[in-house]
N, C-alpha and C. Protein backbone atom coordinates (compact mmCIF):
# COMPACT_ATOMS: atom_id res chain seq x y z
N MET A 1 47.88 -30.93 2.94
CA MET A 1 46.69 -30.51 3.62
C MET A 1 46.34 -31.68 4.60
N ASN A 2 46.01 -31.26 5.85
CA ASN A 2 45.69 -32.22 6.91
C ASN A 2 44.19 -32.34 7.18
N TYR A 3 43.42 -32.11 6.16
CA TYR A 3 41.97 -32.26 6.32
C TYR A 3 41.36 -32.36 4.87
N PRO A 4 40.07 -32.71 4.82
CA PRO A 4 39.52 -32.85 3.42
C PRO A 4 39.45 -31.58 2.74
N PRO A 5 39.51 -31.60 1.36
CA PRO A 5 39.35 -30.33 0.61
C PRO A 5 37.95 -29.82 0.71
N SER A 6 37.81 -28.52 0.30
CA SER A 6 36.53 -27.92 0.34
C SER A 6 35.56 -28.66 -0.67
N THR A 7 34.30 -28.58 -0.27
CA THR A 7 33.23 -29.10 -1.15
C THR A 7 32.57 -28.00 -1.87
N GLN A 8 31.47 -28.27 -2.51
CA GLN A 8 30.68 -27.18 -3.13
C GLN A 8 30.25 -26.08 -2.16
N ARG A 9 29.88 -26.51 -0.92
CA ARG A 9 29.36 -25.54 0.08
C ARG A 9 30.09 -25.46 1.34
N LEU A 10 31.07 -26.32 1.58
CA LEU A 10 31.77 -26.39 2.85
C LEU A 10 33.20 -26.33 2.79
N GLU A 11 33.84 -25.80 3.83
CA GLU A 11 35.30 -25.89 3.97
C GLU A 11 35.68 -26.43 5.32
N PHE A 12 36.73 -27.15 5.38
CA PHE A 12 37.28 -27.74 6.62
C PHE A 12 38.48 -27.03 7.07
N ARG A 13 38.77 -27.20 8.34
CA ARG A 13 40.06 -26.79 8.84
C ARG A 13 40.30 -27.55 10.21
N CYS A 14 41.42 -27.38 10.80
CA CYS A 14 41.68 -28.03 12.08
C CYS A 14 41.19 -27.16 13.27
N TRP A 15 40.80 -27.86 14.37
CA TRP A 15 40.49 -27.15 15.57
C TRP A 15 41.71 -26.49 16.15
N THR A 16 41.52 -25.37 16.81
CA THR A 16 42.62 -24.76 17.59
C THR A 16 42.21 -24.47 18.97
N SER A 17 43.11 -24.08 19.81
CA SER A 17 42.75 -23.77 21.14
C SER A 17 41.94 -22.54 21.31
N ASP A 18 41.79 -21.74 20.25
CA ASP A 18 40.94 -20.58 20.31
C ASP A 18 39.49 -20.90 19.89
N ASP A 19 39.19 -22.12 19.68
CA ASP A 19 37.88 -22.47 19.14
C ASP A 19 36.79 -22.90 20.20
N LEU A 20 37.05 -22.62 21.49
CA LEU A 20 36.15 -23.06 22.46
C LEU A 20 34.69 -22.55 22.23
N ARG A 21 34.59 -21.27 21.93
CA ARG A 21 33.20 -20.71 21.67
C ARG A 21 32.51 -21.45 20.49
N LEU A 22 33.30 -21.71 19.41
CA LEU A 22 32.64 -22.53 18.32
C LEU A 22 32.23 -23.87 18.79
N ALA A 23 33.14 -24.56 19.52
CA ALA A 23 32.81 -25.90 19.99
C ALA A 23 31.59 -25.90 20.87
N LEU A 24 31.45 -24.83 21.74
CA LEU A 24 30.34 -24.72 22.61
C LEU A 24 28.99 -24.59 21.87
N THR A 25 29.02 -23.90 20.80
CA THR A 25 27.75 -23.76 19.96
C THR A 25 27.31 -25.08 19.42
N LEU A 26 28.22 -25.96 19.27
CA LEU A 26 27.93 -27.34 18.74
C LEU A 26 27.64 -28.32 19.87
N TRP A 27 28.64 -28.61 20.66
CA TRP A 27 28.52 -29.69 21.69
C TRP A 27 27.80 -29.18 23.00
N GLY A 28 27.57 -27.88 23.04
CA GLY A 28 26.79 -27.39 24.17
C GLY A 28 25.31 -27.28 23.90
N ASP A 29 24.92 -27.65 22.67
CA ASP A 29 23.54 -27.52 22.20
C ASP A 29 22.78 -28.82 22.51
N PRO A 30 21.75 -28.74 23.36
CA PRO A 30 20.99 -29.92 23.76
C PRO A 30 20.39 -30.70 22.60
N GLN A 31 20.04 -30.05 21.51
CA GLN A 31 19.45 -30.63 20.31
C GLN A 31 20.49 -31.57 19.61
N VAL A 32 21.72 -30.97 19.52
CA VAL A 32 22.80 -31.71 18.77
C VAL A 32 23.27 -32.91 19.62
N THR A 33 23.34 -32.75 20.91
CA THR A 33 23.98 -33.80 21.75
C THR A 33 22.97 -34.65 22.47
N ALA A 34 21.63 -34.52 22.23
CA ALA A 34 20.64 -35.23 22.91
C ALA A 34 20.88 -36.77 23.02
N LEU A 35 21.42 -37.39 21.93
CA LEU A 35 21.53 -38.77 21.85
C LEU A 35 22.97 -39.22 22.05
N ILE A 36 23.90 -38.34 22.47
CA ILE A 36 25.29 -38.76 22.72
C ILE A 36 25.71 -38.34 24.16
N GLY A 37 24.71 -38.08 25.04
CA GLY A 37 25.12 -37.82 26.36
C GLY A 37 25.18 -36.38 26.78
N GLY A 38 24.78 -35.44 25.90
CA GLY A 38 24.89 -34.07 26.24
C GLY A 38 23.58 -33.47 26.62
N PRO A 39 23.54 -32.17 26.79
CA PRO A 39 24.52 -31.21 26.37
C PRO A 39 25.72 -31.20 27.35
N PHE A 40 26.81 -30.76 26.89
CA PHE A 40 28.05 -30.81 27.59
C PHE A 40 28.26 -29.43 28.21
N THR A 41 28.84 -29.46 29.39
CA THR A 41 29.32 -28.26 30.12
C THR A 41 30.53 -27.63 29.35
N GLU A 42 30.82 -26.38 29.70
CA GLU A 42 31.98 -25.75 29.06
C GLU A 42 33.22 -26.49 29.32
N GLU A 43 33.32 -27.04 30.51
CA GLU A 43 34.53 -27.82 30.90
C GLU A 43 34.63 -29.09 30.06
N ALA A 44 33.52 -29.75 29.87
CA ALA A 44 33.45 -30.99 29.06
C ALA A 44 33.76 -30.73 27.57
N VAL A 45 33.24 -29.60 27.07
CA VAL A 45 33.49 -29.16 25.73
C VAL A 45 35.01 -28.81 25.60
N ALA A 46 35.54 -28.17 26.53
CA ALA A 46 37.01 -27.92 26.48
C ALA A 46 37.82 -29.15 26.48
N ARG A 47 37.46 -30.14 27.21
CA ARG A 47 38.10 -31.49 27.18
C ARG A 47 37.96 -32.07 25.81
N ARG A 48 36.74 -31.99 25.23
CA ARG A 48 36.49 -32.60 23.89
C ARG A 48 37.37 -31.93 22.88
N LEU A 49 37.48 -30.59 22.93
CA LEU A 49 38.32 -29.84 22.00
C LEU A 49 39.74 -30.26 22.16
N SER A 50 40.23 -30.38 23.31
CA SER A 50 41.62 -30.86 23.57
C SER A 50 41.80 -32.24 23.00
N THR A 51 40.85 -33.16 23.17
CA THR A 51 40.93 -34.46 22.59
C THR A 51 40.94 -34.48 21.08
N GLU A 52 40.16 -33.60 20.49
CA GLU A 52 40.30 -33.47 18.97
C GLU A 52 41.66 -33.01 18.52
N MET A 53 42.22 -32.06 19.23
CA MET A 53 43.53 -31.56 18.80
C MET A 53 44.61 -32.62 19.09
N SER A 54 44.48 -33.30 20.18
CA SER A 54 45.44 -34.42 20.45
C SER A 54 45.34 -35.56 19.46
N CYS A 55 44.10 -35.83 18.98
CA CYS A 55 43.91 -36.83 18.04
C CYS A 55 44.59 -36.46 16.65
N MET A 56 44.47 -35.15 16.36
CA MET A 56 45.13 -34.68 15.18
C MET A 56 46.65 -34.81 15.27
N GLN A 57 47.26 -34.50 16.43
CA GLN A 57 48.69 -34.61 16.64
C GLN A 57 49.13 -36.07 16.56
N GLU A 58 48.41 -36.94 17.13
CA GLU A 58 48.79 -38.40 17.25
C GLU A 58 48.47 -39.20 16.05
N HIS A 59 47.29 -38.92 15.42
CA HIS A 59 46.79 -39.84 14.36
C HIS A 59 46.43 -39.09 13.05
N HIS A 60 46.72 -37.77 13.01
CA HIS A 60 46.47 -36.92 11.80
C HIS A 60 45.01 -36.94 11.37
N VAL A 61 44.10 -37.15 12.25
CA VAL A 61 42.62 -37.03 12.01
C VAL A 61 42.00 -36.38 13.21
N GLN A 62 40.84 -35.88 12.98
CA GLN A 62 39.86 -35.36 14.02
C GLN A 62 38.53 -35.15 13.38
N TYR A 63 37.60 -34.80 14.22
CA TYR A 63 36.32 -34.32 13.72
C TYR A 63 36.53 -32.84 13.34
N TRP A 64 36.97 -32.53 12.14
CA TRP A 64 37.32 -31.19 11.76
C TRP A 64 36.10 -30.28 11.79
N PRO A 65 36.31 -29.02 12.16
CA PRO A 65 35.24 -28.11 12.13
C PRO A 65 34.91 -27.73 10.66
N ILE A 66 33.64 -27.54 10.33
CA ILE A 66 33.21 -27.22 8.91
C ILE A 66 32.48 -25.92 8.96
N PHE A 67 32.68 -25.17 7.84
CA PHE A 67 32.15 -23.86 7.72
C PHE A 67 31.51 -23.72 6.31
N LEU A 68 30.46 -22.88 6.22
CA LEU A 68 29.83 -22.61 4.91
C LEU A 68 30.82 -21.75 4.15
N LEU A 69 31.10 -22.12 2.93
CA LEU A 69 31.93 -21.35 2.09
C LEU A 69 31.38 -19.92 1.84
N GLU A 70 30.07 -19.87 1.63
CA GLU A 70 29.42 -18.60 1.21
C GLU A 70 29.53 -17.53 2.34
N SER A 71 29.27 -17.90 3.58
CA SER A 71 29.27 -16.97 4.67
C SER A 71 30.40 -17.13 5.73
N GLY A 72 31.02 -18.28 5.75
CA GLY A 72 32.05 -18.49 6.76
C GLY A 72 31.44 -19.02 8.07
N GLU A 73 30.13 -19.14 8.10
CA GLU A 73 29.46 -19.55 9.33
C GLU A 73 29.88 -21.00 9.71
N HIS A 74 30.10 -21.26 11.05
CA HIS A 74 30.40 -22.54 11.56
C HIS A 74 29.15 -23.39 11.51
N ALA A 75 29.25 -24.50 10.77
CA ALA A 75 28.07 -25.43 10.59
C ALA A 75 28.15 -26.67 11.42
N GLY A 76 29.36 -27.04 11.99
CA GLY A 76 29.43 -28.23 12.77
C GLY A 76 30.84 -28.79 12.61
N CYS A 77 30.87 -30.19 12.64
CA CYS A 77 32.17 -30.81 12.41
C CYS A 77 31.91 -32.18 11.69
N ALA A 78 32.94 -32.65 11.04
CA ALA A 78 32.90 -33.88 10.37
C ALA A 78 34.29 -34.47 10.22
N GLY A 79 34.47 -35.70 10.48
CA GLY A 79 35.79 -36.24 10.34
C GLY A 79 35.92 -37.65 10.74
N LEU A 80 37.15 -38.02 11.14
CA LEU A 80 37.53 -39.38 11.44
C LEU A 80 38.22 -39.41 12.78
N ARG A 81 38.20 -40.59 13.36
CA ARG A 81 39.10 -40.90 14.52
C ARG A 81 39.49 -42.36 14.35
N PRO A 82 40.62 -42.72 14.99
CA PRO A 82 41.03 -44.12 14.83
C PRO A 82 40.02 -45.06 15.49
N TYR A 83 39.78 -46.17 14.84
CA TYR A 83 38.91 -47.18 15.35
C TYR A 83 39.70 -48.51 15.51
N ASP A 84 40.41 -48.87 14.52
CA ASP A 84 41.28 -50.07 14.57
C ASP A 84 42.58 -49.69 13.85
N VAL A 85 43.50 -49.13 14.63
CA VAL A 85 44.77 -48.61 14.04
C VAL A 85 45.59 -49.73 13.22
N ASP A 86 45.58 -50.90 13.84
CA ASP A 86 46.35 -51.95 13.10
C ASP A 86 45.83 -52.28 11.74
N GLN A 87 44.45 -52.20 11.60
CA GLN A 87 43.86 -52.54 10.31
C GLN A 87 43.58 -51.31 9.45
N GLN A 88 43.97 -50.16 9.92
CA GLN A 88 43.79 -48.89 9.21
C GLN A 88 42.25 -48.65 8.95
N VAL A 89 41.45 -48.84 10.06
CA VAL A 89 40.08 -48.55 10.05
C VAL A 89 39.82 -47.30 10.91
N TYR A 90 39.05 -46.37 10.36
CA TYR A 90 38.74 -45.14 11.01
C TYR A 90 37.20 -45.00 11.23
N GLU A 91 36.86 -44.30 12.24
CA GLU A 91 35.44 -44.08 12.59
C GLU A 91 34.99 -42.69 12.04
N LEU A 92 33.93 -42.74 11.23
CA LEU A 92 33.33 -41.54 10.67
C LEU A 92 32.38 -40.95 11.66
N GLY A 93 32.48 -39.59 11.81
CA GLY A 93 31.52 -38.85 12.60
C GLY A 93 31.16 -37.51 12.07
N VAL A 94 29.90 -37.17 12.14
CA VAL A 94 29.43 -35.79 11.67
C VAL A 94 28.46 -35.31 12.70
N HIS A 95 28.69 -34.02 13.14
CA HIS A 95 27.78 -33.36 14.12
C HIS A 95 27.49 -32.05 13.42
N LEU A 96 26.26 -31.74 13.20
CA LEU A 96 25.85 -30.46 12.61
C LEU A 96 25.12 -29.66 13.67
N ARG A 97 25.32 -28.32 13.67
CA ARG A 97 24.51 -27.41 14.43
C ARG A 97 23.02 -27.59 13.93
N HIS A 98 22.04 -27.64 14.81
CA HIS A 98 20.69 -27.93 14.43
C HIS A 98 20.08 -27.03 13.39
N LYS A 99 20.57 -25.81 13.25
CA LYS A 99 20.00 -24.87 12.25
C LYS A 99 20.33 -25.32 10.86
N PHE A 100 21.31 -26.26 10.75
CA PHE A 100 21.79 -26.75 9.40
C PHE A 100 21.27 -28.12 9.08
N TRP A 101 20.46 -28.69 9.91
CA TRP A 101 19.90 -30.02 9.67
C TRP A 101 18.93 -29.92 8.42
N GLY A 102 18.89 -31.01 7.71
CA GLY A 102 17.94 -31.09 6.55
C GLY A 102 18.30 -30.38 5.32
N GLN A 103 19.60 -29.96 5.20
CA GLN A 103 20.01 -29.15 4.02
C GLN A 103 21.04 -30.04 3.11
N GLY A 104 21.23 -31.23 3.53
CA GLY A 104 22.17 -32.09 2.72
C GLY A 104 23.64 -31.84 3.12
N LEU A 105 23.92 -31.05 4.08
CA LEU A 105 25.28 -30.74 4.43
C LEU A 105 25.99 -31.95 5.03
N ALA A 106 25.25 -32.72 5.84
CA ALA A 106 25.94 -33.92 6.39
C ALA A 106 26.41 -34.88 5.35
N ILE A 107 25.54 -35.14 4.33
CA ILE A 107 25.99 -35.99 3.21
C ILE A 107 27.16 -35.40 2.54
N GLU A 108 27.17 -34.11 2.26
CA GLU A 108 28.23 -33.47 1.54
C GLU A 108 29.53 -33.58 2.33
N ALA A 109 29.44 -33.28 3.62
CA ALA A 109 30.61 -33.44 4.48
C ALA A 109 31.07 -34.83 4.56
N GLY A 110 30.11 -35.80 4.76
CA GLY A 110 30.45 -37.19 4.95
C GLY A 110 31.16 -37.76 3.67
N ARG A 111 30.66 -37.41 2.52
CA ARG A 111 31.37 -37.88 1.29
C ARG A 111 32.79 -37.29 1.21
N ALA A 112 33.01 -36.02 1.57
CA ALA A 112 34.37 -35.44 1.55
C ALA A 112 35.26 -36.19 2.51
N VAL A 113 34.78 -36.55 3.71
CA VAL A 113 35.55 -37.20 4.69
C VAL A 113 35.83 -38.65 4.26
N ILE A 114 34.86 -39.31 3.66
CA ILE A 114 35.09 -40.70 3.16
C ILE A 114 36.21 -40.71 2.10
N ASN A 115 36.12 -39.78 1.17
CA ASN A 115 37.11 -39.67 0.11
C ASN A 115 38.49 -39.43 0.67
N TYR A 116 38.56 -38.52 1.68
CA TYR A 116 39.83 -38.23 2.28
C TYR A 116 40.33 -39.44 3.00
N GLY A 117 39.51 -40.17 3.67
CA GLY A 117 39.94 -41.32 4.44
C GLY A 117 40.56 -42.39 3.47
N PHE A 118 39.89 -42.66 2.37
CA PHE A 118 40.35 -43.68 1.47
C PHE A 118 41.56 -43.14 0.66
N ASP A 119 41.40 -41.99 0.06
CA ASP A 119 42.41 -41.50 -0.84
C ASP A 119 43.74 -40.89 -0.18
N SER A 120 43.56 -40.20 0.90
CA SER A 120 44.71 -39.59 1.56
C SER A 120 45.31 -40.43 2.68
N LEU A 121 44.45 -41.10 3.44
CA LEU A 121 44.92 -41.86 4.55
C LEU A 121 45.09 -43.34 4.28
N ASN A 122 44.65 -43.77 3.06
CA ASN A 122 44.78 -45.17 2.68
C ASN A 122 43.97 -46.06 3.67
N ALA A 123 42.84 -45.64 4.15
CA ALA A 123 42.05 -46.42 5.05
C ALA A 123 41.60 -47.73 4.37
N SER A 124 41.65 -48.83 5.11
CA SER A 124 41.08 -50.05 4.58
C SER A 124 39.61 -50.10 4.62
N ALA A 125 39.07 -49.44 5.65
CA ALA A 125 37.54 -49.40 5.81
C ALA A 125 37.26 -48.27 6.79
N LEU A 126 35.94 -47.93 6.77
CA LEU A 126 35.46 -46.92 7.75
C LEU A 126 34.35 -47.58 8.58
N PHE A 127 34.34 -47.23 9.83
CA PHE A 127 33.29 -47.71 10.82
C PHE A 127 32.38 -46.47 11.15
N ALA A 128 31.14 -46.72 11.49
CA ALA A 128 30.26 -45.65 12.00
C ALA A 128 29.21 -46.33 12.79
N GLY A 129 28.66 -45.65 13.79
CA GLY A 129 27.56 -46.10 14.57
C GLY A 129 26.66 -44.96 14.91
N HIS A 130 25.48 -45.33 15.46
CA HIS A 130 24.49 -44.26 15.89
C HIS A 130 23.58 -44.79 16.99
N HIS A 131 23.03 -43.79 17.73
CA HIS A 131 22.12 -44.17 18.78
C HIS A 131 20.95 -44.95 18.16
N PRO A 132 20.49 -46.00 18.87
CA PRO A 132 19.42 -46.84 18.35
C PRO A 132 18.13 -46.04 17.91
N ARG A 133 17.87 -44.96 18.55
CA ARG A 133 16.70 -44.10 18.20
C ARG A 133 16.93 -43.08 17.12
N ASN A 134 18.13 -43.00 16.64
CA ASN A 134 18.50 -41.95 15.67
C ASN A 134 18.31 -42.41 14.24
N GLU A 135 17.06 -42.35 13.77
CA GLU A 135 16.67 -42.89 12.44
C GLU A 135 17.40 -42.10 11.33
N MET A 136 17.57 -40.81 11.55
CA MET A 136 18.20 -39.85 10.51
C MET A 136 19.70 -40.34 10.32
N SER A 137 20.36 -40.76 11.39
CA SER A 137 21.73 -41.18 11.24
C SER A 137 21.80 -42.53 10.49
N ARG A 138 20.81 -43.40 10.76
CA ARG A 138 20.73 -44.67 10.00
C ARG A 138 20.65 -44.36 8.59
N LYS A 139 19.71 -43.47 8.16
CA LYS A 139 19.49 -43.15 6.75
C LYS A 139 20.69 -42.56 6.18
N PHE A 140 21.38 -41.68 6.86
CA PHE A 140 22.59 -41.03 6.48
C PHE A 140 23.68 -41.99 6.13
N LEU A 141 23.94 -42.93 7.02
CA LEU A 141 24.95 -43.97 6.82
C LEU A 141 24.66 -44.87 5.56
N LEU A 142 23.42 -45.23 5.49
CA LEU A 142 23.05 -46.12 4.36
C LEU A 142 23.18 -45.36 3.05
N LYS A 143 22.82 -44.07 3.06
CA LYS A 143 22.92 -43.26 1.83
C LYS A 143 24.39 -43.09 1.38
N LEU A 144 25.30 -43.06 2.41
CA LEU A 144 26.73 -43.00 2.09
C LEU A 144 27.35 -44.26 1.73
N GLY A 145 26.56 -45.38 1.77
CA GLY A 145 27.07 -46.65 1.29
C GLY A 145 27.51 -47.57 2.35
N PHE A 146 27.34 -47.22 3.68
CA PHE A 146 27.70 -48.09 4.72
C PHE A 146 26.74 -49.26 4.80
N THR A 147 27.21 -50.35 5.36
CA THR A 147 26.35 -51.62 5.51
C THR A 147 26.36 -51.87 6.99
N TYR A 148 25.18 -52.22 7.52
CA TYR A 148 25.00 -52.59 8.89
C TYR A 148 25.79 -53.91 9.19
N THR A 149 26.56 -53.99 10.28
CA THR A 149 27.33 -55.17 10.54
C THR A 149 26.98 -55.80 11.97
N HIS A 150 26.74 -54.96 12.92
CA HIS A 150 26.49 -55.50 14.24
C HIS A 150 26.02 -54.35 15.23
N ASP A 151 25.63 -54.71 16.44
CA ASP A 151 25.45 -53.70 17.47
C ASP A 151 26.66 -53.73 18.37
N GLU A 152 27.04 -52.54 18.84
CA GLU A 152 28.24 -52.42 19.66
C GLU A 152 27.95 -51.45 20.85
N LEU A 153 28.49 -51.83 22.00
CA LEU A 153 28.27 -50.99 23.20
C LEU A 153 28.98 -49.66 23.01
N TYR A 154 28.24 -48.58 23.28
CA TYR A 154 28.76 -47.24 23.23
C TYR A 154 28.69 -46.75 24.62
N PRO A 155 29.88 -46.72 25.36
CA PRO A 155 29.91 -46.45 26.82
C PRO A 155 29.26 -45.08 27.17
N PRO A 156 29.37 -44.02 26.45
CA PRO A 156 28.67 -42.74 26.92
C PRO A 156 27.21 -42.91 27.11
N THR A 157 26.50 -43.79 26.31
CA THR A 157 25.09 -43.94 26.51
C THR A 157 24.73 -45.20 27.15
N GLY A 158 25.63 -46.15 27.28
CA GLY A 158 25.41 -47.47 27.93
C GLY A 158 24.56 -48.31 27.11
N LEU A 159 24.36 -48.00 25.80
CA LEU A 159 23.45 -48.74 24.92
C LEU A 159 24.27 -49.44 23.87
N ASN A 160 23.66 -50.47 23.32
CA ASN A 160 24.28 -51.09 22.07
C ASN A 160 23.80 -50.29 20.86
N HIS A 161 24.75 -49.72 20.13
CA HIS A 161 24.47 -48.92 18.98
C HIS A 161 24.58 -49.67 17.73
N PRO A 162 23.63 -49.52 16.80
CA PRO A 162 23.83 -50.12 15.44
C PRO A 162 25.18 -49.68 14.85
N SER A 163 25.88 -50.60 14.33
CA SER A 163 27.21 -50.26 13.79
C SER A 163 27.37 -50.70 12.30
N TYR A 164 28.16 -49.90 11.55
CA TYR A 164 28.15 -50.03 10.05
C TYR A 164 29.64 -50.05 9.63
N ARG A 165 29.87 -50.55 8.45
CA ARG A 165 31.17 -50.51 7.81
C ARG A 165 31.03 -50.15 6.31
N LEU A 166 32.02 -49.46 5.89
CA LEU A 166 32.21 -49.16 4.50
C LEU A 166 33.65 -49.49 4.08
N SER A 167 33.69 -50.48 3.17
CA SER A 167 35.05 -50.99 2.77
C SER A 167 35.58 -50.17 1.65
N ARG A 168 36.86 -50.21 1.58
CA ARG A 168 37.58 -49.48 0.49
C ARG A 168 37.01 -49.88 -0.91
N ARG A 169 36.87 -48.87 -1.69
CA ARG A 169 36.26 -49.13 -3.03
C ARG A 169 37.28 -49.71 -3.97
């Protein structure tokens, strides 16, 4: 399997070229993308989708789309991307459609991705960052066990973002 196993409420799969409409409901939403430079145009979302599929081909990771097990509804994405390939460090990312905020799905997806990164990919550590004004992301990362390490420039926003690390258990 090339993605994390299902959790109690979520299932993962890989993005396909047929997923543009799903991707638009996520990255085209101004509430979801307010702090990462969005909302994104259909063309920008198509490029993002292509980037995710290329990342899967090249590095065997992506921000996998996630779906509710009970209904099959698309809830967002959660996954990894290469951060420091030589050191086997991956970057964790979770984007949920705003209707699913506050339900614990980000934590559930994040834990599944963390376990997959360490157990299946043999990651040495995971990196994550967030917009300086995104208090919910800060709490999310701390709850997952990440430790603040430094601020790092995030080119899409032009800001130094708080950055975190989770070392292999």
